[in-house]
């Protein structure tokens, strides 16, 4: 198992909107690409991390699964619109992905 983590920095004063938007994405777009909400979590910075940090974490079985999901995202109008709606609340240039391997 692996964890795919998407990190963004919310613009000052807009963290609640970013968190709500990430949850909405999980419920709507995530389901469309095969990521049910029980495999996803949303985190925010508290101690030792910037308070503006918002992360979405998805449990995946392989890099192939992630690649397939990203391929589907590129075709979804709902994802494009979500991205445009989120953009005013995010610090430009901060979104990035990390993939971690779970050690059991």
C-alpha atoms as a PDB file:
ATOM      1  CA  UNK A   1       0.000   0.000   0.000  1.00  0.00           C
ATOM      2  CA  UNK A   2       1.057   3.570  -0.677  1.00  0.00           C
ATOM      3  CA  UNK A   3      -0.115   7.021   0.318  1.00  0.00           C
ATOM      4  CA  UNK A   4      -0.468   9.733  -2.314  1.00  0.00           C
ATOM      5  CA  UNK A   5      -0.479  13.100  -0.566  1.00  0.00           C
ATOM      6  CA  UNK A   6      -1.447  16.361  -2.251  1.00  0.00           C
ATOM      7  CA  UNK A   7      -0.320  19.473  -0.369  1.00  0.00           C
ATOM      8  CA  UNK A   8      -1.389  23.068  -0.938  1.00  0.00           C
ATOM      9  CA  UNK A   9      -1.048  26.293   1.010  1.00  0.00           C
ATOM     10  CA  UNK A  10      -4.250  28.247   1.598  1.00  0.00           C
ATOM     11  CA  UNK A  11      -4.149  32.011   1.158  1.00  0.00           C
ATOM     12  CA  UNK A  12      -4.453  33.928   4.420  1.00  0.00           C
ATOM     13  CA  UNK A  13      -8.020  33.834   5.710  1.00  0.00           C
ATOM     14  CA  UNK A  14      -9.235  31.200   3.235  1.00  0.00           C
ATOM     15  CA  UNK A  15      -8.314  27.923   4.919  1.00  0.00           C
ATOM     16  CA  UNK A  16     -11.957  27.036   5.750  1.00  0.00           C
ATOM     17  CA  UNK A  17     -12.924  27.419   2.082  1.00  0.00           C
ATOM     18  CA  UNK A  18      -9.995  25.245   0.976  1.00  0.00           C
ATOM     19  CA  UNK A  19     -10.851  22.510   3.490  1.00  0.00           C
ATOM     20  CA  UNK A  20     -14.505  22.520   2.438  1.00  0.00           C
ATOM     21  CA  UNK A  21     -13.502  22.389  -1.218  1.00  0.00           C
ATOM     22  CA  UNK A  22     -11.168  19.428  -0.607  1.00  0.00           C
ATOM     23  CA  UNK A  23     -13.955  17.535   1.174  1.00  0.00           C
ATOM     24  CA  UNK A  24     -16.338  18.272  -1.692  1.00  0.00           C
ATOM     25  CA  UNK A  25     -13.744  17.013  -4.192  1.00  0.00           C
ATOM     26  CA  UNK A  26     -13.405  13.790  -2.207  1.00  0.00           C
ATOM     27  CA  UNK A  27     -17.161  13.216  -2.158  1.00  0.00           C
ATOM     28  CA  UNK A  28     -17.763  14.068  -5.808  1.00  0.00           C
ATOM     29  CA  UNK A  29     -14.694  13.870  -8.052  1.00  0.00           C
ATOM     30  CA  UNK A  30     -12.811  11.307  -5.967  1.00  0.00           C
ATOM     31  CA  UNK A  31     -15.681   8.845  -6.299  1.00  0.00           C
ATOM     32  CA  UNK A  32     -15.725   9.322 -10.086  1.00  0.00           C
ATOM     33  CA  UNK A  33     -12.106   8.213 -10.398  1.00  0.00           C
ATOM     34  CA  UNK A  34     -12.471   5.268  -8.031  1.00  0.00           C
ATOM     35  CA  UNK A  35     -11.292   6.809  -4.771  1.00  0.00           C
ATOM     36  CA  UNK A  36     -14.078   6.344  -2.198  1.00  0.00           C
ATOM     37  CA  UNK A  37     -14.104   8.759   0.763  1.00  0.00           C
ATOM     38  CA  UNK A  38     -13.068   6.000   3.194  1.00  0.00           C
ATOM     39  CA  UNK A  39      -9.657   5.868   1.430  1.00  0.00           C
ATOM     40  CA  UNK A  40      -9.138   9.633   1.714  1.00  0.00           C
ATOM     41  CA  UNK A  41      -8.423  12.080   4.522  1.00  0.00           C
ATOM     42  CA  UNK A  42      -7.934  15.848   4.714  1.00  0.00           C
ATOM     43  CA  UNK A  43      -5.368  17.335   7.113  1.00  0.00           C
ATOM     44  CA  UNK A  44      -4.374  20.840   8.077  1.00  0.00           C
ATOM     45  CA  UNK A  45      -1.302  22.265   9.777  1.00  0.00           C
ATOM     46  CA  UNK A  46      -1.418  22.641  13.539  1.00  0.00           C
ATOM     47  CA  UNK A  47       1.898  22.267  15.397  1.00  0.00           C
ATOM     48  CA  UNK A  48       5.227  22.059  13.581  1.00  0.00           C
ATOM     49  CA  UNK A  49       3.566  22.726  10.222  1.00  0.00           C
ATOM     50  CA  UNK A  50       2.283  25.981   8.765  1.00  0.00           C
ATOM     51  CA  UNK A  51      -1.344  26.611   9.665  1.00  0.00           C
ATOM     52  CA  UNK A  52      -1.978  27.391   6.001  1.00  0.00           C
ATOM     53  CA  UNK A  53      -1.065  23.837   4.938  1.00  0.00           C
ATOM     54  CA  UNK A  54      -3.935  21.672   3.718  1.00  0.00           C
ATOM     55  CA  UNK A  55      -3.256  18.095   2.659  1.00  0.00           C
ATOM     56  CA  UNK A  56      -5.390  15.467   1.014  1.00  0.00           C
ATOM     57  CA  UNK A  57      -4.181  11.901   1.485  1.00  0.00           C
ATOM     58  CA  UNK A  58      -5.317   8.936  -0.601  1.00  0.00           C
ATOM     59  CA  UNK A  59      -4.555   5.257   0.035  1.00  0.00           C
ATOM     60  CA  UNK A  60      -3.476   3.593  -3.204  1.00  0.00           C
ATOM     61  CA  UNK A  61      -2.333   0.084  -4.031  1.00  0.00           C
ATOM     62  CA  UNK A  62       0.242   1.021  -6.675  1.00  0.00           C
ATOM     63  CA  UNK A  63       1.708   3.779  -8.823  1.00  0.00           C
ATOM     64  CA  UNK A  64      -0.317   2.346 -11.706  1.00  0.00           C
ATOM     65  CA  UNK A  65      -3.513   3.093  -9.765  1.00  0.00           C
ATOM     66  CA  UNK A  66      -2.371   6.683  -9.247  1.00  0.00           C
ATOM     67  CA  UNK A  67      -1.458   7.080 -12.925  1.00  0.00           C
ATOM     68  CA  UNK A  68      -4.843   5.698 -13.990  1.00  0.00           C
ATOM     69  CA  UNK A  69      -6.663   8.090 -11.635  1.00  0.00           C
ATOM     70  CA  UNK A  70      -4.673  11.073 -12.924  1.00  0.00           C
ATOM     71  CA  UNK A  71      -5.552  10.030 -16.475  1.00  0.00           C
ATOM     72  CA  UNK A  72      -9.247  10.054 -15.589  1.00  0.00           C
ATOM     73  CA  UNK A  73      -8.928  13.445 -13.869  1.00  0.00           C
ATOM     74  CA  UNK A  74      -7.651  15.012 -17.072  1.00  0.00           C
ATOM     75  CA  UNK A  75     -10.937  14.128 -18.801  1.00  0.00           C
ATOM     76  CA  UNK A  76     -13.393  15.275 -16.124  1.00  0.00           C
ATOM     77  CA  UNK A  77     -15.081  18.636 -16.596  1.00  0.00           C
ATOM     78  CA  UNK A  78     -16.087  18.566 -12.908  1.00  0.00           C
ATOM     79  CA  UNK A  79     -12.399  18.427 -11.890  1.00  0.00           C
ATOM     80  CA  UNK A  80     -11.479  21.295 -14.220  1.00  0.00           C
ATOM     81  CA  UNK A  81     -14.262  23.449 -12.775  1.00  0.00           C
ATOM     82  CA  UNK A  82     -13.316  22.503  -9.203  1.00  0.00           C
ATOM     83  CA  UNK A  83      -9.706  23.546  -9.902  1.00  0.00           C
ATOM     84  CA  UNK A  84     -10.814  26.917 -11.265  1.00  0.00           C
ATOM     85  CA  UNK A  85     -13.095  27.476  -8.274  1.00  0.00           C
ATOM     86  CA  UNK A  86     -10.304  26.598  -5.801  1.00  0.00           C
ATOM     87  CA  UNK A  87      -7.585  28.714  -7.448  1.00  0.00           C
ATOM     88  CA  UNK A  88      -8.390  32.083  -5.769  1.00  0.00           C
ATOM     89  CA  UNK A  89      -7.946  30.505  -2.324  1.00  0.00           C
ATOM     90  CA  UNK A  90      -4.550  28.849  -2.933  1.00  0.00           C
ATOM     91  CA  UNK A  91      -1.047  30.351  -2.820  1.00  0.00           C
ATOM     92  CA  UNK A  92       0.188  30.094  -6.398  1.00  0.00           C
ATOM     93  CA  UNK A  93       2.972  27.569  -6.961  1.00  0.00           C
ATOM     94  CA  UNK A  94       2.444  25.610  -3.735  1.00  0.00           C
ATOM     95  CA  UNK A  95       0.448  22.541  -4.859  1.00  0.00           C
ATOM     96  CA  UNK A  96       2.563  19.394  -5.036  1.00  0.00           C
ATOM     97  CA  UNK A  97       2.280  15.622  -4.717  1.00  0.00           C
ATOM     98  CA  UNK A  98       4.263  13.198  -2.570  1.00  0.00           C
ATOM     99  CA  UNK A  99       3.972   9.419  -2.704  1.00  0.00           C
ATOM    100  CA  UNK A 100       4.919   7.428   0.397  1.00  0.00           C
ATOM    101  CA  UNK A 101       5.206   3.676   0.790  1.00  0.00           C
ATOM    102  CA  UNK A 102       3.458   2.183   3.840  1.00  0.00           C
ATOM    103  CA  UNK A 103       5.742  -0.043   5.913  1.00  0.00           C
ATOM    104  CA  UNK A 104       3.784  -2.600   7.895  1.00  0.00           C
END
